[in-house]
N, C-alpha and C. Protein backbone atom coordinates (compact mmCIF):
# COMPACT_ATOMS: atom_id res chain seq x y z
N MET A 1 84.71 99.33 144.87
CA MET A 1 85.81 98.22 144.68
C MET A 1 86.56 99.04 143.84
N ILE A 2 87.63 98.80 144.03
CA ILE A 2 88.84 99.58 142.66
C ILE A 2 88.59 98.24 141.65
N GLN A 3 88.76 99.13 140.71
CA GLN A 3 89.10 98.77 138.96
C GLN A 3 91.04 98.79 139.78
N THR A 4 91.25 97.48 139.29
CA THR A 4 92.35 96.69 138.85
C THR A 4 93.26 97.65 136.96
N GLN A 5 94.31 97.10 137.00
CA GLN A 5 95.29 97.47 135.56
C GLN A 5 94.74 96.68 134.92
N ALA A 6 94.93 96.22 135.30
CA ALA A 6 93.73 94.08 134.64
C ALA A 6 93.01 94.96 133.80
N GLN A 7 92.02 95.38 134.51
CA GLN A 7 90.53 95.85 134.44
C GLN A 7 90.54 96.68 133.38
N ALA A 8 90.82 98.14 133.58
CA ALA A 8 91.24 98.81 132.88
C ALA A 8 91.36 98.46 131.57
N ASN A 9 92.57 97.45 131.51
CA ASN A 9 92.87 97.42 129.76
C ASN A 9 92.45 96.85 129.85
N ALA A 10 91.00 95.65 130.25
CA ALA A 10 90.49 95.25 129.40
C ALA A 10 89.11 96.09 128.64
N TYR A 11 88.75 97.02 129.94
CA TYR A 11 87.05 97.68 129.29
C TYR A 11 87.24 98.73 128.16
N TRP A 12 89.36 99.25 128.01
CA TRP A 12 89.29 99.81 126.87
C TRP A 12 89.97 99.31 125.72
N ALA A 13 90.13 98.49 125.97
CA ALA A 13 90.59 97.07 124.47
C ALA A 13 89.77 97.36 123.22
N ASP A 14 89.02 97.70 123.53
CA ASP A 14 87.62 97.81 121.97
C ASP A 14 87.24 99.45 121.82
N LYS A 15 88.03 100.06 122.39
CA LYS A 15 87.09 101.23 122.59
C LYS A 15 87.80 102.10 121.10
N GLU A 16 87.94 102.29 120.48
CA GLU A 16 88.88 103.46 119.26
C GLU A 16 89.65 104.48 119.85
N VAL A 17 89.41 105.56 120.94
CA VAL A 17 90.09 106.12 121.46
C VAL A 17 89.60 106.13 122.93
N LYS A 18 91.19 106.02 124.00
CA LYS A 18 90.94 105.50 125.15
C LYS A 18 91.45 106.52 125.68
N LYS A 19 91.38 106.83 127.24
CA LYS A 19 91.55 107.59 128.39
C LYS A 19 93.11 107.19 128.56
N TRP A 20 94.24 107.96 128.67
CA TRP A 20 95.54 108.04 128.79
C TRP A 20 95.97 108.62 130.58
N VAL A 21 97.17 107.80 131.02
CA VAL A 21 97.56 108.42 132.20
C VAL A 21 98.87 109.19 131.68
N VAL A 22 99.58 109.70 131.52
CA VAL A 22 100.73 110.36 131.56
C VAL A 22 101.14 110.81 132.31
N GLU A 23 102.34 110.13 133.31
CA GLU A 23 103.27 110.53 134.04
C GLU A 23 105.18 111.05 133.95
N PHE A 24 105.57 111.62 133.88
CA PHE A 24 107.28 112.14 134.18
C PHE A 24 107.51 112.15 135.08
N THR A 25 108.63 112.06 134.94
CA THR A 25 109.80 112.10 136.56
C THR A 25 111.04 112.50 136.18
N ALA A 26 111.34 113.34 137.10
CA ALA A 26 112.77 114.28 136.39
C ALA A 26 113.29 114.81 137.81
N GLY A 27 114.79 114.57 137.50
CA GLY A 27 116.12 115.15 139.12
C GLY A 27 115.98 113.92 139.53
N PRO A 28 117.19 114.35 140.75
CA PRO A 28 117.43 112.66 141.37
C PRO A 28 116.57 112.71 142.73
N HIS A 29 116.38 111.35 143.98
CA HIS A 29 115.34 111.72 144.21
C HIS A 29 115.34 112.43 145.43
N HIS A 30 116.17 112.86 146.07
CA HIS A 30 115.62 114.32 147.21
C HIS A 30 115.51 115.10 146.45
N TRP A 31 114.94 115.50 145.30
CA TRP A 31 114.75 116.79 144.60
C TRP A 31 114.04 116.62 143.04
N ARG A 32 112.66 114.97 143.46
CA ARG A 32 112.15 115.29 141.89
C ARG A 32 110.94 115.58 141.57
N ARG A 33 110.92 115.70 140.61
CA ARG A 33 109.83 116.62 140.08
C ARG A 33 109.19 115.71 139.86
N THR A 34 107.88 115.95 139.68
CA THR A 34 106.86 114.55 138.77
C THR A 34 105.20 115.54 139.00
N ALA A 35 105.14 115.42 137.48
CA ALA A 35 103.43 115.73 136.51
C ALA A 35 102.70 114.82 136.27
N ARG A 36 101.62 115.13 135.84
CA ARG A 36 100.79 113.89 135.52
C ARG A 36 99.48 114.30 135.22
N SER A 37 99.41 114.21 133.35
CA SER A 37 98.68 114.65 132.76
C SER A 37 97.55 113.27 132.32
N LEU A 38 96.21 113.19 131.86
CA LEU A 38 94.71 113.10 131.54
C LEU A 38 94.75 113.30 130.81
N VAL A 39 94.98 112.24 129.97
CA VAL A 39 94.53 113.35 128.18
C VAL A 39 93.55 111.73 127.28
N SER A 40 93.23 112.14 126.07
CA SER A 40 92.58 111.10 125.34
C SER A 40 93.62 111.17 124.10
N ALA A 41 93.57 109.76 123.21
CA ALA A 41 94.16 109.20 122.37
C ALA A 41 93.93 107.92 121.75
N ARG A 42 94.72 107.93 120.54
CA ARG A 42 94.67 106.72 120.16
C ARG A 42 95.17 105.41 120.79
N SER A 43 96.24 105.43 121.14
CA SER A 43 97.72 105.33 120.83
C SER A 43 99.02 105.72 122.47
N THR A 44 99.70 104.67 122.91
CA THR A 44 100.09 105.16 123.17
C THR A 44 101.16 106.23 122.79
N ALA A 45 101.74 105.90 122.16
CA ALA A 45 102.56 107.63 121.72
C ALA A 45 101.83 109.00 121.32
N ARG A 46 100.33 108.93 120.71
CA ARG A 46 100.77 109.88 120.64
C ARG A 46 99.64 110.65 122.11
N ALA A 47 99.62 109.69 122.71
CA ALA A 47 99.07 109.90 124.53
C ALA A 47 100.55 111.02 125.40
N GLN A 48 101.43 110.11 124.93
CA GLN A 48 102.70 110.20 125.19
C GLN A 48 103.33 111.71 124.20
N ALA A 49 102.53 112.30 123.21
CA ALA A 49 102.81 113.45 122.80
C ALA A 49 102.10 114.67 123.40
N ALA A 50 100.58 113.86 123.28
CA ALA A 50 99.51 114.88 124.47
C ALA A 50 99.89 115.25 125.64
N GLY A 51 100.26 114.59 125.85
CA GLY A 51 100.73 114.63 127.64
C GLY A 51 101.72 115.74 127.50
N ILE A 52 102.89 115.68 126.90
CA ILE A 52 103.63 116.85 126.92
C ILE A 52 103.67 117.89 126.94
N GLN A 53 102.26 118.03 125.52
CA GLN A 53 102.11 119.34 124.89
C GLN A 53 100.71 120.09 126.34
N HIS A 54 100.64 119.32 126.75
CA HIS A 54 99.09 119.40 128.40
C HIS A 54 100.65 120.15 128.71
N GLN A 55 101.51 119.51 128.98
CA GLN A 55 102.10 120.14 130.06
C GLN A 55 102.89 121.03 129.99
N ILE A 56 104.00 121.13 129.22
CA ILE A 56 104.75 122.53 128.29
C ILE A 56 103.21 123.86 128.10
N VAL A 57 102.00 123.35 127.35
CA VAL A 57 101.52 124.71 126.93
C VAL A 57 100.21 125.06 128.72
N VAL A 58 100.29 124.39 129.06
CA VAL A 58 98.83 124.82 130.19
C VAL A 58 99.60 124.72 131.08
N MET A 59 100.23 123.58 132.16
CA MET A 59 101.18 124.04 133.06
C MET A 59 102.60 124.78 133.00
N ASN A 60 102.71 124.74 131.91
CA ASN A 60 103.92 125.54 132.06
C ASN A 60 105.03 124.85 132.51
N ASN A 61 104.88 124.00 132.53
CA ASN A 61 106.26 122.72 132.96
C ASN A 61 107.16 122.15 131.51
N THR A 62 108.31 122.70 131.22
CA THR A 62 108.54 123.32 130.35
C THR A 62 109.78 122.09 130.29
N TRP A 63 110.04 121.55 131.86
CA TRP A 63 110.97 120.08 132.04
C TRP A 63 110.50 119.31 131.60
N VAL A 64 109.35 118.91 131.43
CA VAL A 64 108.92 117.64 130.91
C VAL A 64 110.01 116.55 129.59
N ARG A 65 110.21 117.74 128.88
CA ARG A 65 111.02 117.89 127.51
C ARG A 65 112.16 116.33 128.09
N ARG A 66 112.51 117.02 128.56
CA ARG A 66 113.97 116.02 129.21
C ARG A 66 113.74 115.87 130.63
N ALA A 67 112.51 114.84 130.87
CA ALA A 67 111.66 114.16 132.25
C ALA A 67 113.19 113.09 131.79
N SER A 68 113.40 112.49 133.13
CA SER A 68 113.81 110.77 133.01
C SER A 68 113.03 109.98 132.88
N ALA A 69 112.23 109.93 133.13
CA ALA A 69 111.31 108.61 132.94
C ALA A 69 109.58 109.19 133.13
N THR A 70 109.18 108.56 131.74
CA THR A 70 107.65 108.69 131.14
C THR A 70 107.14 107.92 130.92
N THR A 71 106.12 107.55 131.97
CA THR A 71 105.03 106.35 131.42
C THR A 71 103.46 106.22 131.33
N VAL A 72 102.95 105.56 129.92
CA VAL A 72 101.84 105.87 129.56
C VAL A 72 100.33 104.26 130.17
N ARG A 73 99.86 104.43 130.76
CA ARG A 73 98.85 103.66 131.27
C ARG A 73 97.59 103.58 131.09
N LEU A 74 96.62 102.81 130.37
CA LEU A 74 95.62 103.22 130.37
C LEU A 74 94.84 103.33 131.81
N ALA A 75 94.07 104.31 131.85
CA ALA A 75 93.26 105.37 132.86
C ALA A 75 92.52 104.13 133.80
N THR A 76 92.17 104.03 135.09
CA THR A 76 90.93 103.25 135.66
C THR A 76 90.14 104.40 135.40
N ALA A 77 89.56 103.60 136.49
CA ALA A 77 88.36 104.41 137.28
C ALA A 77 88.50 105.57 137.95
N GLN A 78 89.39 105.06 139.00
CA GLN A 78 89.77 105.94 140.03
C GLN A 78 89.92 107.00 139.34
N ASP A 79 91.78 107.10 138.45
CA ASP A 79 92.02 108.15 137.58
C ASP A 79 91.06 109.39 137.16
N LEU A 80 89.62 108.29 137.00
CA LEU A 80 88.36 109.71 136.39
C LEU A 80 87.85 109.72 137.24
N GLY A 81 87.98 109.90 138.29
CA GLY A 81 87.17 110.30 139.58
C GLY A 81 85.90 109.49 139.64
N CYS A 82 86.06 108.57 139.41
CA CYS A 82 84.97 107.69 139.66
C CYS A 82 85.62 107.04 141.12
N VAL A 83 84.40 106.84 142.19
CA VAL A 83 84.08 106.80 143.51
C VAL A 83 83.38 105.33 143.66
N TYR A 84 83.30 104.74 144.33
CA TYR A 84 82.20 103.02 144.61
C TYR A 84 81.42 103.49 145.52
N VAL A 85 79.96 103.18 144.98
CA VAL A 85 78.48 103.70 145.53
C VAL A 85 78.35 102.11 146.27
N CYS A 86 78.07 101.87 147.45
CA CYS A 86 78.06 100.85 147.36
C CYS A 86 76.10 100.42 147.14
N GLU A 87 76.12 99.37 147.17
CA GLU A 87 74.19 98.91 146.22
C GLU A 87 72.98 99.45 147.40
N LYS A 88 73.60 99.51 148.74
CA LYS A 88 72.47 100.48 149.75
C LYS A 88 72.29 101.71 149.45
N GLY A 89 72.89 102.30 148.83
CA GLY A 89 72.75 104.41 148.04
C GLY A 89 74.63 105.17 149.74
N GLY A 90 74.87 105.93 148.70
CA GLY A 90 75.63 106.45 149.79
C GLY A 90 77.05 105.80 149.55
N ALA A 91 78.64 107.29 150.28
CA ALA A 91 79.63 106.45 149.42
C ALA A 91 80.02 105.32 150.48
N ALA A 92 81.40 104.76 149.92
CA ALA A 92 80.98 103.29 150.72
C ALA A 92 82.34 103.92 151.67
């Protein structure tokens, strides 16, 4: 079973610190750069700042500062690496 974004939003609603996916996009369509960070933060603003920090320090992607688009969303189970296992056992 795949977790939808609405289900992820409901899951994280009462948590103080949440897991966020921060995605950066820059450049023209035919030569687009993309980067993604998975961070923990209390708000979207802090998640964005943590994503930029992660990309610059760890991934050496300094271009994220001038990214044309940045999206921040709550992480789904799939983003966290979870896989569905059927009730009888084994991967679905």
